[in-house]
PDB file of all heavy atoms in Angstrom:
ATOM      1  N   GLU A   1      19.620  -6.860  -0.492  1.00  0.00           N
ATOM      2  CA  GLU A   1      19.967  -6.588   0.912  1.00  0.00           C
ATOM      3  C   GLU A   1      18.799  -5.930   1.638  1.00  0.00           C
ATOM      4  O   GLU A   1      18.474  -6.286   2.779  1.00  0.00           O
ATOM      5  CB  GLU A   1      21.194  -5.671   0.955  1.00  0.00           C
ATOM      6  CG  GLU A   1      21.663  -5.289   2.341  1.00  0.00           C
ATOM      7  CD  GLU A   1      22.455  -6.382   3.027  1.00  0.00           C
ATOM      8  OE1 GLU A   1      22.837  -7.358   2.355  1.00  0.00           O
ATOM      9  OE2 GLU A   1      22.693  -6.250   4.245  1.00  0.00           O
ATOM     10  N   ARG A   2      18.163  -4.983   0.966  1.00  0.00           N
ATOM     11  CA  ARG A   2      17.070  -4.236   1.596  1.00  0.00           C
ATOM     12  C   ARG A   2      15.846  -5.108   1.839  1.00  0.00           C
ATOM     13  O   ARG A   2      15.179  -5.003   2.867  1.00  0.00           O
ATOM     14  CB  ARG A   2      16.699  -3.047   0.708  1.00  0.00           C
ATOM     15  CG  ARG A   2      15.603  -2.158   1.272  1.00  0.00           C
ATOM     16  CD  ARG A   2      15.522  -0.863   0.500  1.00  0.00           C
ATOM     17  NE  ARG A   2      14.433  -0.031   0.985  1.00  0.00           N
ATOM     18  CZ  ARG A   2      13.256   0.105   0.395  1.00  0.00           C
ATOM     19  NH1 ARG A   2      13.030  -0.549  -0.734  1.00  0.00           N
ATOM     20  NH2 ARG A   2      12.321   0.877   0.893  1.00  0.00           N
ATOM     21  N   ILE A   3      15.554  -6.018   0.869  1.00  0.00           N
ATOM     22  CA  ILE A   3      14.347  -6.827   0.984  1.00  0.00           C
ATOM     23  C   ILE A   3      14.550  -8.024   1.903  1.00  0.00           C
ATOM     24  O   ILE A   3      13.741  -8.287   2.795  1.00  0.00           O
ATOM     25  CB  ILE A   3      13.887  -7.290  -0.414  1.00  0.00           C
ATOM     26  CG1 ILE A   3      13.431  -6.088  -1.246  1.00  0.00           C
ATOM     27  CG2 ILE A   3      12.761  -8.310  -0.309  1.00  0.00           C
ATOM     28  CD1 ILE A   3      13.044  -6.438  -2.659  1.00  0.00           C
ATOM     29  N   PHE A   4      15.641  -8.760   1.707  1.00  0.00           N
ATOM     30  CA  PHE A   4      15.801 -10.045   2.385  1.00  0.00           C
ATOM     31  C   PHE A   4      16.610  -9.980   3.677  1.00  0.00           C
ATOM     32  O   PHE A   4      16.549 -10.913   4.482  1.00  0.00           O
ATOM     33  CB  PHE A   4      16.449 -11.059   1.443  1.00  0.00           C
ATOM     34  CG  PHE A   4      15.614 -11.336   0.224  1.00  0.00           C
ATOM     35  CD1 PHE A   4      16.021 -10.906  -1.026  1.00  0.00           C
ATOM     36  CD2 PHE A   4      14.420 -12.008   0.332  1.00  0.00           C
ATOM     37  CE1 PHE A   4      15.253 -11.153  -2.148  1.00  0.00           C
ATOM     38  CE2 PHE A   4      13.641 -12.262  -0.788  1.00  0.00           C
ATOM     39  CZ  PHE A   4      14.058 -11.832  -2.029  1.00  0.00           C
ATOM     40  N   VAL A   5      17.377  -8.933   3.863  1.00  0.00           N
ATOM     41  CA  VAL A   5      18.196  -8.820   5.077  1.00  0.00           C
ATOM     42  C   VAL A   5      17.635  -7.757   6.013  1.00  0.00           C
ATOM     43  O   VAL A   5      17.315  -8.021   7.173  1.00  0.00           O
ATOM     44  CB  VAL A   5      19.666  -8.508   4.729  1.00  0.00           C
ATOM     45  CG1 VAL A   5      20.494  -8.357   6.007  1.00  0.00           C
ATOM     46  CG2 VAL A   5      20.243  -9.607   3.842  1.00  0.00           C
ATOM     47  N   GLU A   6      17.515  -6.547   5.508  1.00  0.00           N
ATOM     48  CA  GLU A   6      17.008  -5.473   6.351  1.00  0.00           C
ATOM     49  C   GLU A   6      15.510  -5.610   6.597  1.00  0.00           C
ATOM     50  O   GLU A   6      15.011  -5.295   7.675  1.00  0.00           O
ATOM     51  CB  GLU A   6      17.297  -4.118   5.695  1.00  0.00           C
ATOM     52  CG  GLU A   6      18.781  -3.836   5.529  1.00  0.00           C
ATOM     53  CD  GLU A   6      19.026  -2.533   4.804  1.00  0.00           C
ATOM     54  OE1 GLU A   6      18.028  -1.843   4.482  1.00  0.00           O
ATOM     55  OE2 GLU A   6      20.193  -2.202   4.546  1.00  0.00           O
ATOM     56  N   GLY A   7      14.771  -6.089   5.593  1.00  0.00           N
ATOM     57  CA  GLY A   7      13.327  -6.267   5.742  1.00  0.00           C
ATOM     58  C   GLY A   7      12.568  -4.978   5.501  1.00  0.00           C
ATOM     59  O   GLY A   7      13.119  -3.885   5.473  1.00  0.00           O
ATOM     60  N   GLN A   8      11.243  -5.144   5.280  1.00  0.00           N
ATOM     61  CA  GLN A   8      10.378  -4.002   5.055  1.00  0.00           C
ATOM     62  C   GLN A   8       9.794  -3.523   6.384  1.00  0.00           C
ATOM     63  O   GLN A   8      10.091  -4.059   7.457  1.00  0.00           O
ATOM     64  CB  GLN A   8       9.257  -4.390   4.090  1.00  0.00           C
ATOM     65  CG  GLN A   8       9.751  -4.902   2.752  1.00  0.00           C
ATOM     66  CD  GLN A   8      10.472  -3.832   1.958  1.00  0.00           C
ATOM     67  OE1 GLN A   8       9.986  -2.727   1.832  1.00  0.00           O
ATOM     68  NE2 GLN A   8      11.634  -4.160   1.430  1.00  0.00           N
ATOM     69  N   THR A   9       8.961  -2.510   6.304  1.00  0.00           N
ATOM     70  CA  THR A   9       8.332  -1.953   7.492  1.00  0.00           C
ATOM     71  C   THR A   9       7.347  -2.954   8.087  1.00  0.00           C
ATOM     72  O   THR A   9       6.490  -3.484   7.371  1.00  0.00           O
ATOM     73  CB  THR A   9       7.587  -0.653   7.145  1.00  0.00           C
ATOM     74  OG1 THR A   9       8.489   0.237   6.496  1.00  0.00           O
ATOM     75  CG2 THR A   9       7.031   0.005   8.401  1.00  0.00           C
ATOM     76  N   PRO A  10       7.446  -3.270   9.392  1.00  0.00           N
ATOM     77  CA  PRO A  10       6.486  -4.209  10.005  1.00  0.00           C
ATOM     78  C   PRO A  10       5.058  -3.696   9.862  1.00  0.00           C
ATOM     79  O   PRO A  10       4.793  -2.497  10.036  1.00  0.00           O
ATOM     80  CB  PRO A  10       6.919  -4.248  11.477  1.00  0.00           C
ATOM     81  CG  PRO A  10       8.348  -3.805  11.460  1.00  0.00           C
ATOM     82  CD  PRO A  10       8.464  -2.816  10.350  1.00  0.00           C
ATOM     83  N   TYR A  11       4.150  -4.622   9.561  1.00  0.00           N
ATOM     84  CA  TYR A  11       2.778  -4.192   9.293  1.00  0.00           C
ATOM     85  C   TYR A  11       2.084  -3.582  10.517  1.00  0.00           C
ATOM     86  O   TYR A  11       1.288  -2.640  10.359  1.00  0.00           O
ATOM     87  CB  TYR A  11       1.965  -5.360   8.751  1.00  0.00           C
ATOM     88  CG  TYR A  11       0.752  -4.902   7.973  1.00  0.00           C
ATOM     89  CD1 TYR A  11       0.895  -4.214   6.781  1.00  0.00           C
ATOM     90  CD2 TYR A  11      -0.547  -5.122   8.462  1.00  0.00           C
ATOM     91  CE1 TYR A  11      -0.209  -3.772   6.069  1.00  0.00           C
ATOM     92  CE2 TYR A  11      -1.655  -4.689   7.755  1.00  0.00           C
ATOM     93  CZ  TYR A  11      -1.474  -4.007   6.560  1.00  0.00           C
ATOM     94  OH  TYR A  11      -2.571  -3.567   5.860  1.00  0.00           O
ATOM     95  N   PRO A  12       2.340  -4.068  11.735  1.00  0.00           N
ATOM     96  CA  PRO A  12       1.735  -3.367  12.892  1.00  0.00           C
ATOM     97  C   PRO A  12       2.148  -1.898  12.970  1.00  0.00           C
ATOM     98  O   PRO A  12       1.336  -1.046  13.358  1.00  0.00           O
ATOM     99  CB  PRO A  12       2.268  -4.156  14.092  1.00  0.00           C
ATOM    100  CG  PRO A  12       2.516  -5.520  13.553  1.00  0.00           C
ATOM    101  CD  PRO A  12       3.007  -5.309  12.164  1.00  0.00           C
ATOM    102  N   LYS A  13       3.377  -1.596  12.570  1.00  0.00           N
ATOM    103  CA  LYS A  13       3.805  -0.196  12.570  1.00  0.00           C
ATOM    104  C   LYS A  13       3.046   0.598  11.512  1.00  0.00           C
ATOM    105  O   LYS A  13       2.717   1.777  11.710  1.00  0.00           O
ATOM    106  CB  LYS A  13       5.310  -0.137  12.307  1.00  0.00           C
ATOM    107  CG  LYS A  13       5.896   1.259  12.386  1.00  0.00           C
ATOM    108  CD  LYS A  13       7.397   1.220  12.191  1.00  0.00           C
ATOM    109  CE  LYS A  13       7.993   2.629  12.255  1.00  0.00           C
ATOM    110  NZ  LYS A  13       9.473   2.620  12.065  1.00  0.00           N
ATOM    111  N   ILE A  14       2.753  -0.034  10.355  1.00  0.00           N
ATOM    112  CA  ILE A  14       1.970   0.641   9.313  1.00  0.00           C
ATOM    113  C   ILE A  14       0.556   0.909   9.807  1.00  0.00           C
ATOM    114  O   ILE A  14      -0.005   1.996   9.580  1.00  0.00           O
ATOM    115  CB  ILE A  14       1.956  -0.221   8.028  1.00  0.00           C
ATOM    116  CG1 ILE A  14       3.360  -0.308   7.420  1.00  0.00           C
ATOM    117  CG2 ILE A  14       0.977   0.357   7.000  1.00  0.00           C
ATOM    118  CD1 ILE A  14       3.439  -1.176   6.190  1.00  0.00           C
ATOM    119  N   ILE A  15      -0.050  -0.057  10.508  1.00  0.00           N
ATOM    120  CA  ILE A  15      -1.403   0.132  11.032  1.00  0.00           C
ATOM    121  C   ILE A  15      -1.423   1.257  12.065  1.00  0.00           C
ATOM    122  O   ILE A  15      -2.356   2.090  12.089  1.00  0.00           O
ATOM    123  CB  ILE A  15      -1.928  -1.178  11.641  1.00  0.00           C
ATOM    124  CG1 ILE A  15      -2.052  -2.266  10.557  1.00  0.00           C
ATOM    125  CG2 ILE A  15      -3.271  -0.949  12.329  1.00  0.00           C
ATOM    126  CD1 ILE A  15      -3.023  -1.935   9.462  1.00  0.00           C
ATOM    127  N   ALA A  16      -0.383   1.299  12.905  1.00  0.00           N
ATOM    128  CA  ALA A  16      -0.337   2.339  13.942  1.00  0.00           C
ATOM    129  C   ALA A  16      -0.244   3.733  13.330  1.00  0.00           C
ATOM    130  O   ALA A  16      -0.849   4.687  13.834  1.00  0.00           O
ATOM    131  CB  ALA A  16       0.845   2.086  14.883  1.00  0.00           C
ATOM    132  N   GLY A  17       0.517   3.889  12.266  1.00  0.00           N
ATOM    133  CA  GLY A  17       0.642   5.194  11.609  1.00  0.00           C
ATOM    134  C   GLY A  17       0.002   5.199  10.242  1.00  0.00           C
ATOM    135  O   GLY A  17       0.580   5.738   9.278  1.00  0.00           O
ATOM    136  N   PHE A  18      -1.191   4.578  10.133  1.00  0.00           N
ATOM    137  CA  PHE A  18      -1.827   4.368   8.834  1.00  0.00           C
ATOM    138  C   PHE A  18      -2.054   5.661   8.050  1.00  0.00           C
ATOM    139  O   PHE A  18      -1.781   5.684   6.845  1.00  0.00           O
ATOM    140  CB  PHE A  18      -3.156   3.624   9.022  1.00  0.00           C
ATOM    141  CG  PHE A  18      -3.802   3.230   7.731  1.00  0.00           C
ATOM    142  CD1 PHE A  18      -3.381   2.101   7.049  1.00  0.00           C
ATOM    143  CD2 PHE A  18      -4.822   4.010   7.185  1.00  0.00           C
ATOM    144  CE1 PHE A  18      -3.973   1.747   5.849  1.00  0.00           C
ATOM    145  CE2 PHE A  18      -5.407   3.666   5.982  1.00  0.00           C
ATOM    146  CZ  PHE A  18      -4.985   2.522   5.305  1.00  0.00           C
ATOM    147  N   PRO A  19      -2.571   6.761   8.671  1.00  0.00           N
ATOM    148  CA  PRO A  19      -2.796   7.980   7.877  1.00  0.00           C
ATOM    149  C   PRO A  19      -1.520   8.473   7.188  1.00  0.00           C
ATOM    150  O   PRO A  19      -1.555   8.870   6.020  1.00  0.00           O
ATOM    151  CB  PRO A  19      -3.316   8.987   8.903  1.00  0.00           C
ATOM    152  CG  PRO A  19      -3.925   8.141   9.965  1.00  0.00           C
ATOM    153  CD  PRO A  19      -3.056   6.925  10.050  1.00  0.00           C
ATOM    154  N   ARG A  20      -0.408   8.417   7.916  1.00  0.00           N
ATOM    155  CA  ARG A  20       0.848   8.902   7.336  1.00  0.00           C
ATOM    156  C   ARG A  20       1.307   7.996   6.207  1.00  0.00           C
ATOM    157  O   ARG A  20       1.718   8.470   5.135  1.00  0.00           O
ATOM    158  CB  ARG A  20       1.910   8.978   8.427  1.00  0.00           C
ATOM    159  CG  ARG A  20       3.282   9.430   7.930  1.00  0.00           C
ATOM    160  CD  ARG A  20       4.164   9.788   9.125  1.00  0.00           C
ATOM    161  NE  ARG A  20       4.301   8.676  10.045  1.00  0.00           N
ATOM    162  CZ  ARG A  20       5.260   7.740   9.961  1.00  0.00           C
ATOM    163  NH1 ARG A  20       6.132   7.785   8.968  1.00  0.00           N
ATOM    164  NH2 ARG A  20       5.335   6.780  10.847  1.00  0.00           N
ATOM    165  N   TYR A  21       1.254   6.676   6.393  1.00  0.00           N
ATOM    166  CA  TYR A  21       1.687   5.748   5.344  1.00  0.00           C
ATOM    167  C   TYR A  21       0.739   5.777   4.136  1.00  0.00           C
ATOM    168  O   TYR A  21       1.173   5.640   2.998  1.00  0.00           O
ATOM    169  CB  TYR A  21       1.770   4.325   5.904  1.00  0.00           C
ATOM    170  CG  TYR A  21       2.987   4.112   6.773  1.00  0.00           C
ATOM    171  CD1 TYR A  21       2.885   4.173   8.161  1.00  0.00           C
ATOM    172  CD2 TYR A  21       4.234   3.866   6.212  1.00  0.00           C
ATOM    173  CE1 TYR A  21       3.998   3.972   8.966  1.00  0.00           C
ATOM    174  CE2 TYR A  21       5.356   3.668   7.003  1.00  0.00           C
ATOM    175  CZ  TYR A  21       5.242   3.730   8.387  1.00  0.00           C
ATOM    176  OH  TYR A  21       6.348   3.548   9.174  1.00  0.00           O
ATOM    177  N   TRP A  22      -0.562   5.952   4.416  1.00  0.00           N
ATOM    178  CA  TRP A  22      -1.515   6.029   3.315  1.00  0.00           C
ATOM    179  C   TRP A  22      -1.292   7.284   2.478  1.00  0.00           C
ATOM    180  O   TRP A  22      -1.365   7.247   1.249  1.00  0.00           O
ATOM    181  CB  TRP A  22      -2.930   5.982   3.855  1.00  0.00           C
ATOM    182  CG  TRP A  22      -3.981   6.061   2.782  1.00  0.00           C
ATOM    183  CD1 TRP A  22      -4.783   7.113   2.493  1.00  0.00           C
ATOM    184  CD2 TRP A  22      -4.313   5.042   1.841  1.00  0.00           C
ATOM    185  NE1 TRP A  22      -5.614   6.838   1.441  1.00  0.00           N
ATOM    186  CE2 TRP A  22      -5.350   5.551   1.016  1.00  0.00           C
ATOM    187  CE3 TRP A  22      -3.864   3.743   1.613  1.00  0.00           C
ATOM    188  CZ2 TRP A  22      -5.923   4.811  -0.016  1.00  0.00           C
ATOM    189  CZ3 TRP A  22      -4.444   3.018   0.592  1.00  0.00           C
ATOM    190  CH2 TRP A  22      -5.458   3.542  -0.219  1.00  0.00           C
ATOM    191  N   LYS A  23      -1.028   8.408   3.148  1.00  0.00           N
ATOM    192  CA  LYS A  23      -0.758   9.655   2.438  1.00  0.00           C
ATOM    193  C   LYS A  23       0.480   9.522   1.555  1.00  0.00           C
ATOM    194  O   LYS A  23       0.504   9.983   0.410  1.00  0.00           O
ATOM    195  CB  LYS A  23      -0.585  10.790   3.439  1.00  0.00           C
ATOM    196  CG  LYS A  23      -0.344  12.148   2.789  1.00  0.00           C
ATOM    197  CD  LYS A  23      -0.208  13.235   3.846  1.00  0.00           C
ATOM    198  CE  LYS A  23       0.037  14.590   3.184  1.00  0.00           C
ATOM    199  NZ  LYS A  23       0.164  15.682   4.194  1.00  0.00           N
ATOM    200  N   ARG A  24       1.500   8.878   2.080  1.00  0.00           N
ATOM    201  CA  ARG A  24       2.722   8.675   1.292  1.00  0.00           C
ATOM    202  C   ARG A  24       2.449   7.778   0.091  1.00  0.00           C
ATOM    203  O   ARG A  24       2.956   8.009  -1.018  1.00  0.00           O
ATOM    204  CB  ARG A  24       3.811   8.059   2.159  1.00  0.00           C
ATOM    205  CG  ARG A  24       5.117   7.842   1.412  1.00  0.00           C
ATOM    206  CD  ARG A  24       6.139   7.171   2.267  1.00  0.00           C
ATOM    207  NE  ARG A  24       7.336   6.855   1.513  1.00  0.00           N
ATOM    208  CZ  ARG A  24       8.371   6.165   1.994  1.00  0.00           C
ATOM    209  NH1 ARG A  24       8.351   5.728   3.255  1.00  0.00           N
ATOM    210  NH2 ARG A  24       9.416   5.917   1.230  1.00  0.00           N
ATOM    211  N   ALA A  25       1.610   6.739   0.293  1.00  0.00           N
ATOM    212  CA  ALA A  25       1.266   5.845  -0.817  1.00  0.00           C
ATOM    213  C   ALA A  25       0.514   6.595  -1.909  1.00  0.00           C
ATOM    214  O   ALA A  25       0.764   6.400  -3.105  1.00  0.00           O
ATOM    215  CB  ALA A  25       0.446   4.670  -0.297  1.00  0.00           C
ATOM    216  N   ILE A  26      -0.405   7.476  -1.521  1.00  0.00           N
ATOM    217  CA  ILE A  26      -1.150   8.263  -2.503  1.00  0.00           C
ATOM    218  C   ILE A  26      -0.216   9.183  -3.269  1.00  0.00           C
ATOM    219  O   ILE A  26      -0.314   9.328  -4.508  1.00  0.00           O
ATOM    220  CB  ILE A  26      -2.272   9.069  -1.808  1.00  0.00           C
ATOM    221  CG1 ILE A  26      -3.315   8.119  -1.212  1.00  0.00           C
ATOM    222  CG2 ILE A  26      -2.922  10.033  -2.789  1.00  0.00           C
ATOM    223  CD1 ILE A  26      -4.001   7.244  -2.213  1.00  0.00           C
ATOM    224  N   GLN A  27       0.714   9.819  -2.560  1.00  0.00           N
ATOM    225  CA  GLN A  27       1.668  10.712  -3.223  1.00  0.00           C
ATOM    226  C   GLN A  27       2.543   9.942  -4.212  1.00  0.00           C
ATOM    227  O   GLN A  27       2.811  10.419  -5.326  1.00  0.00           O
ATOM    228  CB  GLN A  27       2.536  11.412  -2.174  1.00  0.00           C
ATOM    229  CG  GLN A  27       1.785  12.428  -1.328  1.00  0.00           C
ATOM    230  CD  GLN A  27       2.644  13.008  -0.232  1.00  0.00           C
ATOM    231  OE1 GLN A  27       3.741  12.517   0.059  1.00  0.00           O
ATOM    232  NE2 GLN A  27       2.143  14.069   0.404  1.00  0.00           N
ATOM    233  N   ASP A  28       2.993   8.761  -3.814  1.00  0.00           N
ATOM    234  CA  ASP A  28       3.816   7.952  -4.722  1.00  0.00           C
ATOM    235  C   ASP A  28       3.025   7.527  -5.958  1.00  0.00           C
ATOM    236  O   ASP A  28       3.561   7.513  -7.078  1.00  0.00           O
ATOM    237  CB  ASP A  28       4.345   6.713  -3.996  1.00  0.00           C
ATOM    238  CG  ASP A  28       5.441   7.056  -3.008  1.00  0.00           C
ATOM    239  OD1 ASP A  28       5.992   8.174  -3.094  1.00  0.00           O
ATOM    240  OD2 ASP A  28       5.742   6.207  -2.140  1.00  0.00           O
ATOM    241  N   CYS A  29       1.755   7.187  -5.777  1.00  0.00           N
ATOM    242  CA  CYS A  29       0.930   6.804  -6.919  1.00  0.00           C
ATOM    243  C   CYS A  29       0.709   7.982  -7.860  1.00  0.00           C
ATOM    244  O   CYS A  29       0.744   7.826  -9.090  1.00  0.00           O
ATOM    245  CB  CYS A  29      -0.412   6.263  -6.437  1.00  0.00           C
ATOM    246  SG  CYS A  29      -0.321   4.629  -5.677  1.00  0.00           S
ATOM    247  N   GLN A  30       0.473   9.175  -7.279  1.00  0.00           N
ATOM    248  CA  GLN A  30       0.302  10.352  -8.122  1.00  0.00           C
ATOM    249  C   GLN A  30       1.568  10.646  -8.914  1.00  0.00           C
ATOM    250  O   GLN A  30       1.510  10.999 -10.098  1.00  0.00           O
ATOM    251  CB  GLN A  30      -0.092  11.552  -7.254  1.00  0.00           C
ATOM    252  CG  GLN A  30      -1.496  11.459  -6.690  1.00  0.00           C
ATOM    253  CD  GLN A  30      -1.826  12.617  -5.767  1.00  0.00           C
ATOM    254  OE1 GLN A  30      -0.940  13.357  -5.322  1.00  0.00           O
ATOM    255  NE2 GLN A  30      -3.110  12.780  -5.449  1.00  0.00           N
TER     256      GLN A  30
END
């Protein structure tokens, strides 16, 4: 449901808030 119906975060939104999304990605990897 989450992947195919609700969808993921639009990539333009990720680019607009890249520092915040990148920081979260680093934290998840750690």
